[in-house]
C-alpha cells in the first residue's frame, strides 16, 4: 500500500465525488497514474476499478504511462504550421529521439503536439513545462531543450 496515495485519499476524506481531484493529485505526485495507484484508489473509495479507469482515460490530462520531468508541447495549429512548427517538431524529434506522445527512456522529456494554443500571433509556439516560447525556430530548439538540463 502506497502511503502517498493513502494520504491523498485521506485529504479528500475518501469521498467518491472527489475522484477527479484525487487522480489529479496522484498524477502531480508521480507525473502519471500508475496501475497500482488506480487499484488503491478503487479499494480506498470502495468503487469499481472500471469506474476509476474510465475517469482516468476520459480526461486527456491524465496519463497511464510514465511522463518525463519536462513536457514539451508544440502547437501545430494553422498559424503555427505555416510559420514553421513542422520543422520545429522535426528538430525536437531528432534531438530527443521520440515521437509525439512519447517519453525519453531516461524519463527526462515527454513530447506532445496540440492543435492550437490560442497564441497565433506569437507562432510558432513551443511550451516547456507551462512556459510559452513564441516565435520559436528550429535552430532555437536545442538551446531551449538544453536549458531544461
N, C-alpha and C. Protein backbone atom coordinates (compact mmCIF):
# COMPACT_ATOMS: atom_id res chain seq x y z
N UNK A 1 0.84 -1.17 0.00
CA UNK A 1 0.00 0.00 0.00
C UNK A 1 0.89 1.25 0.00
N UNK A 2 0.65 2.15 -0.93
CA UNK A 2 1.44 3.37 -1.08
C UNK A 2 0.94 4.44 -0.11
N UNK A 3 1.83 4.90 0.75
CA UNK A 3 1.46 5.89 1.77
C UNK A 3 1.06 7.22 1.15
N UNK A 4 1.68 7.60 0.04
CA UNK A 4 1.34 8.86 -0.62
C UNK A 4 -0.10 8.83 -1.14
N UNK A 5 -0.47 7.72 -1.74
CA UNK A 5 -1.85 7.58 -2.24
C UNK A 5 -2.83 7.58 -1.07
N UNK A 6 -2.47 6.90 0.01
CA UNK A 6 -3.32 6.89 1.21
C UNK A 6 -3.52 8.32 1.74
N UNK A 7 -2.45 9.11 1.77
CA UNK A 7 -2.54 10.49 2.25
C UNK A 7 -3.45 11.32 1.35
N UNK A 8 -3.37 11.09 0.05
CA UNK A 8 -4.24 11.82 -0.89
C UNK A 8 -5.70 11.42 -0.68
N UNK A 9 -5.95 10.13 -0.52
CA UNK A 9 -7.31 9.67 -0.25
C UNK A 9 -7.85 10.29 1.03
N UNK A 10 -7.02 10.33 2.06
CA UNK A 10 -7.44 10.92 3.34
C UNK A 10 -7.69 12.42 3.20
N UNK A 11 -6.88 13.09 2.41
CA UNK A 11 -7.04 14.53 2.19
C UNK A 11 -8.45 14.85 1.67
N UNK A 12 -8.99 13.96 0.85
CA UNK A 12 -10.32 14.16 0.28
C UNK A 12 -11.39 13.35 1.02
N UNK A 13 -11.06 12.90 2.21
CA UNK A 13 -11.98 12.17 3.09
C UNK A 13 -12.60 10.96 2.39
N UNK A 14 -11.86 10.42 1.43
CA UNK A 14 -12.29 9.22 0.70
C UNK A 14 -13.69 9.35 0.11
N UNK A 15 -13.99 10.56 -0.35
CA UNK A 15 -15.29 10.83 -0.98
C UNK A 15 -15.23 10.50 -2.47
N UNK A 16 -16.16 9.68 -2.92
CA UNK A 16 -16.15 9.27 -4.33
C UNK A 16 -16.34 10.46 -5.26
N UNK A 17 -17.02 11.50 -4.82
CA UNK A 17 -17.22 12.69 -5.64
C UNK A 17 -15.94 13.48 -5.87
N UNK A 18 -14.89 13.11 -5.19
CA UNK A 18 -13.60 13.79 -5.33
C UNK A 18 -12.61 12.98 -6.20
N UNK A 19 -13.15 12.02 -6.95
CA UNK A 19 -12.28 11.13 -7.73
C UNK A 19 -11.34 11.89 -8.66
N UNK A 20 -11.85 12.87 -9.40
CA UNK A 20 -11.00 13.61 -10.33
C UNK A 20 -9.89 14.33 -9.58
N UNK A 21 -10.23 14.97 -8.47
CA UNK A 21 -9.22 15.68 -7.68
C UNK A 21 -8.18 14.72 -7.12
N UNK A 22 -8.62 13.56 -6.71
CA UNK A 22 -7.70 12.54 -6.18
C UNK A 22 -6.72 12.11 -7.29
N UNK A 23 -7.26 11.85 -8.47
CA UNK A 23 -6.40 11.44 -9.58
C UNK A 23 -5.46 12.57 -9.99
N UNK A 24 -5.92 13.81 -9.93
CA UNK A 24 -5.05 14.94 -10.25
C UNK A 24 -3.88 15.01 -9.28
N UNK A 25 -4.16 14.82 -8.01
CA UNK A 25 -3.09 14.86 -7.00
C UNK A 25 -2.11 13.71 -7.17
N UNK A 26 -2.62 12.54 -7.50
CA UNK A 26 -1.74 11.39 -7.72
C UNK A 26 -0.85 11.66 -8.93
N UNK A 27 -1.44 12.20 -9.99
CA UNK A 27 -0.64 12.50 -11.17
C UNK A 27 0.40 13.57 -10.86
N UNK A 28 0.04 14.56 -10.06
CA UNK A 28 1.01 15.60 -9.68
C UNK A 28 2.17 14.99 -8.89
N UNK A 29 1.87 13.98 -8.11
CA UNK A 29 2.89 13.33 -7.28
C UNK A 29 3.82 12.45 -8.12
N UNK A 30 3.26 11.66 -9.04
CA UNK A 30 4.04 10.68 -9.78
C UNK A 30 4.31 11.07 -11.23
N UNK A 31 3.61 12.09 -11.71
CA UNK A 31 3.71 12.55 -13.10
C UNK A 31 3.02 11.58 -14.07
N UNK A 32 2.26 10.66 -13.53
CA UNK A 32 1.42 9.75 -14.29
C UNK A 32 0.56 8.98 -13.29
N UNK A 33 -0.34 8.12 -13.77
CA UNK A 33 -1.21 7.34 -12.89
C UNK A 33 -0.82 5.86 -12.95
N UNK A 34 0.02 5.42 -12.03
CA UNK A 34 0.41 4.01 -12.02
C UNK A 34 -0.80 3.10 -11.76
N UNK A 35 -0.77 1.92 -12.36
CA UNK A 35 -1.85 0.94 -12.21
C UNK A 35 -2.10 0.64 -10.73
N UNK A 36 -1.04 0.49 -9.97
CA UNK A 36 -1.17 0.16 -8.55
C UNK A 36 -1.92 1.26 -7.81
N UNK A 37 -1.69 2.51 -8.19
CA UNK A 37 -2.38 3.64 -7.56
C UNK A 37 -3.86 3.62 -7.90
N UNK A 38 -4.20 3.28 -9.13
CA UNK A 38 -5.61 3.20 -9.54
C UNK A 38 -6.33 2.10 -8.75
N UNK A 39 -5.66 0.99 -8.56
CA UNK A 39 -6.25 -0.11 -7.77
C UNK A 39 -6.46 0.35 -6.33
N UNK A 40 -5.47 1.04 -5.79
CA UNK A 40 -5.56 1.53 -4.42
C UNK A 40 -6.69 2.55 -4.27
N UNK A 41 -6.89 3.40 -5.25
CA UNK A 41 -7.98 4.37 -5.23
C UNK A 41 -9.32 3.63 -5.27
N UNK A 42 -9.41 2.65 -6.13
CA UNK A 42 -10.64 1.85 -6.23
C UNK A 42 -11.00 1.22 -4.88
N UNK A 43 -10.02 0.61 -4.27
CA UNK A 43 -10.25 -0.04 -2.98
C UNK A 43 -10.52 0.99 -1.88
N UNK A 44 -9.77 2.10 -1.91
CA UNK A 44 -9.90 3.13 -0.89
C UNK A 44 -11.22 3.87 -0.92
N UNK A 45 -11.79 4.00 -2.13
CA UNK A 45 -13.08 4.67 -2.26
C UNK A 45 -14.25 3.69 -2.29
N UNK A 46 -13.94 2.41 -2.41
CA UNK A 46 -14.99 1.41 -2.46
C UNK A 46 -15.80 1.47 -3.74
N UNK A 47 -15.12 1.79 -4.85
CA UNK A 47 -15.80 1.84 -6.15
C UNK A 47 -15.09 0.90 -7.11
N UNK A 48 -15.77 0.47 -8.16
CA UNK A 48 -15.14 -0.47 -9.09
C UNK A 48 -13.93 0.15 -9.79
N UNK A 49 -12.92 -0.67 -10.03
CA UNK A 49 -11.74 -0.23 -10.75
C UNK A 49 -12.12 0.30 -12.14
N UNK A 50 -13.15 -0.28 -12.74
CA UNK A 50 -13.58 0.17 -14.07
C UNK A 50 -14.02 1.63 -14.04
N UNK A 51 -14.62 2.07 -12.95
CA UNK A 51 -15.04 3.48 -12.83
C UNK A 51 -13.82 4.40 -12.72
N UNK A 52 -12.84 3.99 -11.93
CA UNK A 52 -11.62 4.78 -11.78
C UNK A 52 -10.90 4.85 -13.13
N UNK A 53 -10.81 3.73 -13.80
CA UNK A 53 -10.14 3.66 -15.09
C UNK A 53 -10.87 4.50 -16.14
N UNK A 54 -12.20 4.47 -16.12
CA UNK A 54 -12.95 5.24 -17.12
C UNK A 54 -12.74 6.74 -16.93
N UNK A 55 -12.63 7.21 -15.71
CA UNK A 55 -12.35 8.62 -15.46
C UNK A 55 -10.91 8.94 -15.88
N UNK A 56 -9.99 8.05 -15.55
CA UNK A 56 -8.58 8.28 -15.88
C UNK A 56 -8.34 8.31 -17.39
N UNK A 57 -9.14 7.58 -18.14
CA UNK A 57 -8.96 7.56 -19.60
C UNK A 57 -9.83 8.59 -20.31
N UNK A 58 -10.86 9.11 -19.64
CA UNK A 58 -11.74 10.09 -20.27
C UNK A 58 -11.04 11.43 -20.43
N UNK A 59 -10.32 11.86 -19.41
CA UNK A 59 -9.68 13.16 -19.43
C UNK A 59 -8.28 13.06 -20.03
N UNK A 60 -8.03 13.85 -21.04
CA UNK A 60 -6.74 13.80 -21.74
C UNK A 60 -5.58 14.25 -20.84
N UNK A 61 -5.87 14.98 -19.80
CA UNK A 61 -4.83 15.47 -18.90
C UNK A 61 -4.18 14.34 -18.10
N UNK A 62 -4.87 13.20 -17.99
CA UNK A 62 -4.31 12.08 -17.25
C UNK A 62 -3.48 11.19 -18.16
N UNK A 63 -2.44 10.61 -17.61
CA UNK A 63 -1.58 9.71 -18.37
C UNK A 63 -1.46 8.38 -17.63
N UNK A 64 -1.62 7.31 -18.38
CA UNK A 64 -1.46 5.97 -17.81
C UNK A 64 -0.08 5.40 -18.11
N UNK A 65 0.77 6.21 -18.72
CA UNK A 65 2.15 5.81 -18.97
C UNK A 65 3.07 6.86 -18.35
N UNK A 66 4.27 6.45 -17.94
CA UNK A 66 5.19 7.41 -17.32
C UNK A 66 5.48 8.59 -18.24
N UNK A 67 5.53 9.76 -17.67
CA UNK A 67 5.85 11.00 -18.39
C UNK A 67 7.18 11.53 -17.92
N UNK A 68 7.80 12.32 -18.77
CA UNK A 68 9.08 12.92 -18.44
C UNK A 68 8.92 14.04 -17.43
N UNK A 69 10.05 14.40 -16.80
CA UNK A 69 10.03 15.51 -15.84
C UNK A 69 9.71 16.82 -16.54
N UNK A 70 10.06 16.92 -17.83
CA UNK A 70 9.79 18.12 -18.61
C UNK A 70 8.88 17.75 -19.78
N UNK A 71 7.84 18.54 -19.97
CA UNK A 71 6.92 18.31 -21.08
C UNK A 71 7.10 19.41 -22.11
N UNK A 72 7.37 19.00 -23.34
CA UNK A 72 7.50 19.93 -24.46
C UNK A 72 6.26 19.78 -25.32
N UNK A 73 5.53 20.88 -25.49
CA UNK A 73 4.31 20.88 -26.29
C UNK A 73 4.51 21.82 -27.47
N UNK A 74 4.25 21.31 -28.66
CA UNK A 74 4.41 22.11 -29.87
C UNK A 74 3.04 22.32 -30.50
N UNK A 75 2.72 23.58 -30.77
CA UNK A 75 1.45 23.90 -31.42
C UNK A 75 1.56 23.61 -32.91
N UNK A 76 0.59 22.86 -33.42
CA UNK A 76 0.55 22.51 -34.84
C UNK A 76 -0.65 23.15 -35.53
N UNK A 77 -1.24 24.17 -34.89
CA UNK A 77 -2.37 24.87 -35.49
C UNK A 77 -1.97 25.56 -36.78
N UNK A 78 -2.94 26.05 -37.52
CA UNK A 78 -2.69 26.61 -38.84
C UNK A 78 -1.65 27.72 -38.83
N UNK A 79 -1.80 28.70 -37.95
CA UNK A 79 -0.86 29.83 -37.92
C UNK A 79 0.55 29.35 -37.59
N UNK A 80 0.67 28.47 -36.61
CA UNK A 80 2.00 27.96 -36.25
C UNK A 80 2.56 27.07 -37.36
N UNK A 81 1.68 26.29 -37.97
CA UNK A 81 2.10 25.39 -39.04
C UNK A 81 2.72 26.17 -40.19
N UNK A 82 2.06 27.22 -40.65
CA UNK A 82 2.59 27.97 -41.79
C UNK A 82 3.84 28.76 -41.41
N UNK A 83 4.07 28.96 -40.13
CA UNK A 83 5.26 29.68 -39.67
C UNK A 83 6.40 28.75 -39.27
N UNK A 84 6.22 27.44 -39.47
CA UNK A 84 7.35 26.54 -39.29
C UNK A 84 7.29 25.51 -38.20
N UNK A 85 6.13 25.30 -37.57
CA UNK A 85 6.09 24.30 -36.50
C UNK A 85 6.46 22.88 -36.94
N UNK A 86 6.19 22.47 -38.19
CA UNK A 86 6.64 21.13 -38.58
C UNK A 86 8.17 20.98 -38.51
N UNK A 87 8.91 22.02 -38.87
CA UNK A 87 10.37 21.96 -38.79
C UNK A 87 10.82 21.91 -37.34
N UNK A 88 10.12 22.63 -36.47
CA UNK A 88 10.44 22.61 -35.05
C UNK A 88 10.20 21.21 -34.49
N UNK A 89 9.07 20.62 -34.84
CA UNK A 89 8.76 19.26 -34.39
C UNK A 89 9.82 18.28 -34.88
N UNK A 90 10.21 18.40 -36.13
CA UNK A 90 11.24 17.51 -36.67
C UNK A 90 12.55 17.65 -35.90
N UNK A 91 12.91 18.87 -35.54
CA UNK A 91 14.15 19.11 -34.81
C UNK A 91 14.07 18.50 -33.40
N UNK A 92 12.94 18.67 -32.74
CA UNK A 92 12.78 18.08 -31.40
C UNK A 92 12.83 16.56 -31.49
N UNK A 93 12.18 15.99 -32.49
CA UNK A 93 12.24 14.53 -32.70
C UNK A 93 13.69 14.08 -32.86
N UNK A 94 14.45 14.83 -33.65
CA UNK A 94 15.84 14.49 -33.91
C UNK A 94 16.69 14.58 -32.64
N UNK A 95 16.50 15.62 -31.87
CA UNK A 95 17.31 15.82 -30.66
C UNK A 95 16.96 14.79 -29.59
N UNK A 96 15.66 14.58 -29.35
CA UNK A 96 15.23 13.70 -28.26
C UNK A 96 15.07 12.23 -28.67
N UNK A 97 14.89 12.00 -29.96
CA UNK A 97 14.71 10.63 -30.43
C UNK A 97 13.37 10.03 -30.06
N UNK A 98 12.34 10.88 -29.92
CA UNK A 98 10.99 10.38 -29.60
C UNK A 98 9.97 11.03 -30.53
N UNK A 99 8.82 10.41 -30.61
CA UNK A 99 7.70 10.91 -31.39
C UNK A 99 6.70 11.58 -30.45
N UNK A 100 5.79 12.38 -31.00
CA UNK A 100 4.73 12.95 -30.15
C UNK A 100 3.98 11.85 -29.38
N UNK A 101 3.75 12.12 -28.11
CA UNK A 101 3.13 11.12 -27.24
C UNK A 101 4.16 10.26 -26.54
N UNK A 102 5.42 10.43 -26.91
CA UNK A 102 6.48 9.61 -26.34
C UNK A 102 7.24 10.30 -25.22
N UNK A 103 8.03 9.49 -24.53
CA UNK A 103 8.86 9.95 -23.42
C UNK A 103 10.24 9.35 -23.60
N UNK A 104 11.26 10.15 -23.31
CA UNK A 104 12.63 9.64 -23.43
C UNK A 104 12.84 8.52 -22.41
N UNK A 105 13.75 7.62 -22.71
CA UNK A 105 13.98 6.45 -21.85
C UNK A 105 14.46 6.84 -20.45
N UNK A 106 15.10 8.01 -20.33
CA UNK A 106 15.55 8.46 -19.01
C UNK A 106 14.47 9.22 -18.24
N UNK A 107 13.25 9.27 -18.81
CA UNK A 107 12.10 9.96 -18.23
C UNK A 107 12.36 11.44 -17.99
N UNK A 108 13.21 12.02 -18.83
CA UNK A 108 13.51 13.44 -18.68
C UNK A 108 12.53 14.30 -19.49
N UNK A 109 12.16 13.86 -20.70
CA UNK A 109 11.29 14.66 -21.57
C UNK A 109 10.13 13.85 -22.11
N UNK A 110 8.98 14.51 -22.23
CA UNK A 110 7.84 13.99 -22.97
C UNK A 110 7.53 15.01 -24.05
N UNK A 111 7.07 14.52 -25.20
CA UNK A 111 6.77 15.37 -26.34
C UNK A 111 5.30 15.26 -26.69
N UNK A 112 4.65 16.41 -26.84
CA UNK A 112 3.23 16.44 -27.21
C UNK A 112 3.03 17.46 -28.31
N UNK A 113 1.99 17.27 -29.09
CA UNK A 113 1.55 18.29 -30.03
C UNK A 113 0.10 18.62 -29.71
N UNK A 114 -0.30 19.84 -30.02
CA UNK A 114 -1.68 20.27 -29.85
C UNK A 114 -2.13 20.97 -31.12
N UNK A 115 -3.44 21.06 -31.30
CA UNK A 115 -3.97 21.70 -32.49
C UNK A 115 -3.94 23.21 -32.42
N UNK A 116 -4.05 23.79 -31.25
CA UNK A 116 -3.98 25.24 -31.12
C UNK A 116 -3.83 25.61 -29.66
N UNK A 117 -2.98 26.59 -29.41
CA UNK A 117 -2.79 27.10 -28.05
C UNK A 117 -3.39 28.49 -27.89
N UNK A 118 -3.94 29.04 -28.99
CA UNK A 118 -4.58 30.34 -28.91
C UNK A 118 -3.62 31.51 -28.86
N UNK A 119 -2.41 31.29 -29.27
CA UNK A 119 -1.38 32.35 -29.29
C UNK A 119 -0.90 32.57 -30.72
N UNK A 120 -1.82 32.60 -31.64
CA UNK A 120 -1.48 32.58 -33.07
C UNK A 120 -0.54 33.70 -33.49
N UNK A 121 -0.66 34.86 -32.90
CA UNK A 121 0.19 35.99 -33.28
C UNK A 121 1.64 35.77 -32.89
N UNK A 122 1.89 34.87 -31.94
CA UNK A 122 3.24 34.61 -31.47
C UNK A 122 3.85 33.35 -32.06
N UNK A 123 3.12 32.72 -32.97
CA UNK A 123 3.54 31.44 -33.51
C UNK A 123 4.82 31.51 -34.31
N UNK A 124 5.49 30.38 -34.42
CA UNK A 124 5.14 29.11 -33.79
C UNK A 124 5.47 29.10 -32.29
N UNK A 125 4.60 28.44 -31.56
CA UNK A 125 4.70 28.39 -30.10
C UNK A 125 5.18 27.01 -29.64
N UNK A 126 6.11 27.03 -28.70
CA UNK A 126 6.55 25.82 -28.00
C UNK A 126 6.37 26.10 -26.52
N UNK A 127 5.73 25.17 -25.83
CA UNK A 127 5.52 25.32 -24.39
C UNK A 127 6.37 24.26 -23.69
N UNK A 128 7.19 24.70 -22.75
CA UNK A 128 8.01 23.78 -21.96
C UNK A 128 7.61 23.96 -20.50
N UNK A 129 7.06 22.91 -19.93
CA UNK A 129 6.64 22.93 -18.53
C UNK A 129 5.74 24.13 -18.22
N UNK A 130 4.83 24.43 -19.14
CA UNK A 130 3.87 25.51 -18.93
C UNK A 130 4.37 26.89 -19.29
N UNK A 131 5.63 27.02 -19.68
CA UNK A 131 6.19 28.31 -20.06
C UNK A 131 6.18 28.43 -21.59
N UNK A 132 5.53 29.50 -22.08
CA UNK A 132 5.35 29.71 -23.51
C UNK A 132 6.58 30.37 -24.13
N UNK A 133 7.00 29.84 -25.28
CA UNK A 133 8.14 30.39 -26.02
C UNK A 133 7.65 30.69 -27.44
N UNK A 134 7.43 31.98 -27.72
CA UNK A 134 6.89 32.39 -29.01
C UNK A 134 7.95 32.62 -30.05
N UNK A 135 7.48 32.62 -31.30
CA UNK A 135 8.35 32.84 -32.46
C UNK A 135 9.56 31.91 -32.43
N UNK A 136 9.31 30.68 -32.06
CA UNK A 136 10.37 29.66 -31.96
C UNK A 136 10.87 29.32 -33.35
N UNK A 137 12.12 28.95 -33.42
CA UNK A 137 12.72 28.49 -34.68
C UNK A 137 13.34 27.12 -34.45
N UNK A 138 13.54 26.40 -35.53
CA UNK A 138 14.16 25.08 -35.42
C UNK A 138 15.57 25.19 -34.85
N UNK A 139 16.25 26.28 -35.17
CA UNK A 139 17.60 26.45 -34.65
C UNK A 139 17.60 26.81 -33.16
N UNK A 140 16.50 27.36 -32.64
CA UNK A 140 16.42 27.72 -31.23
C UNK A 140 16.00 26.60 -30.30
N UNK A 141 15.56 25.49 -30.88
CA UNK A 141 15.04 24.38 -30.10
C UNK A 141 16.12 23.74 -29.22
N UNK A 142 17.32 23.55 -29.76
CA UNK A 142 18.38 22.88 -28.99
C UNK A 142 18.69 23.66 -27.72
N UNK A 143 18.80 24.98 -27.83
CA UNK A 143 19.08 25.81 -26.66
C UNK A 143 17.96 25.71 -25.65
N UNK A 144 16.72 25.69 -26.14
CA UNK A 144 15.57 25.58 -25.25
C UNK A 144 15.60 24.25 -24.49
N UNK A 145 15.89 23.17 -25.18
CA UNK A 145 15.97 21.86 -24.54
C UNK A 145 17.12 21.82 -23.53
N UNK A 146 18.25 22.36 -23.92
CA UNK A 146 19.42 22.35 -23.03
C UNK A 146 19.16 23.17 -21.77
N UNK A 147 18.30 24.17 -21.86
CA UNK A 147 18.00 24.99 -20.68
C UNK A 147 17.24 24.20 -19.62
N UNK A 148 16.70 23.05 -20.00
CA UNK A 148 15.97 22.19 -19.06
C UNK A 148 16.91 21.27 -18.29
N UNK A 149 18.12 21.18 -18.71
CA UNK A 149 19.04 20.20 -18.12
C UNK A 149 19.75 20.68 -16.91
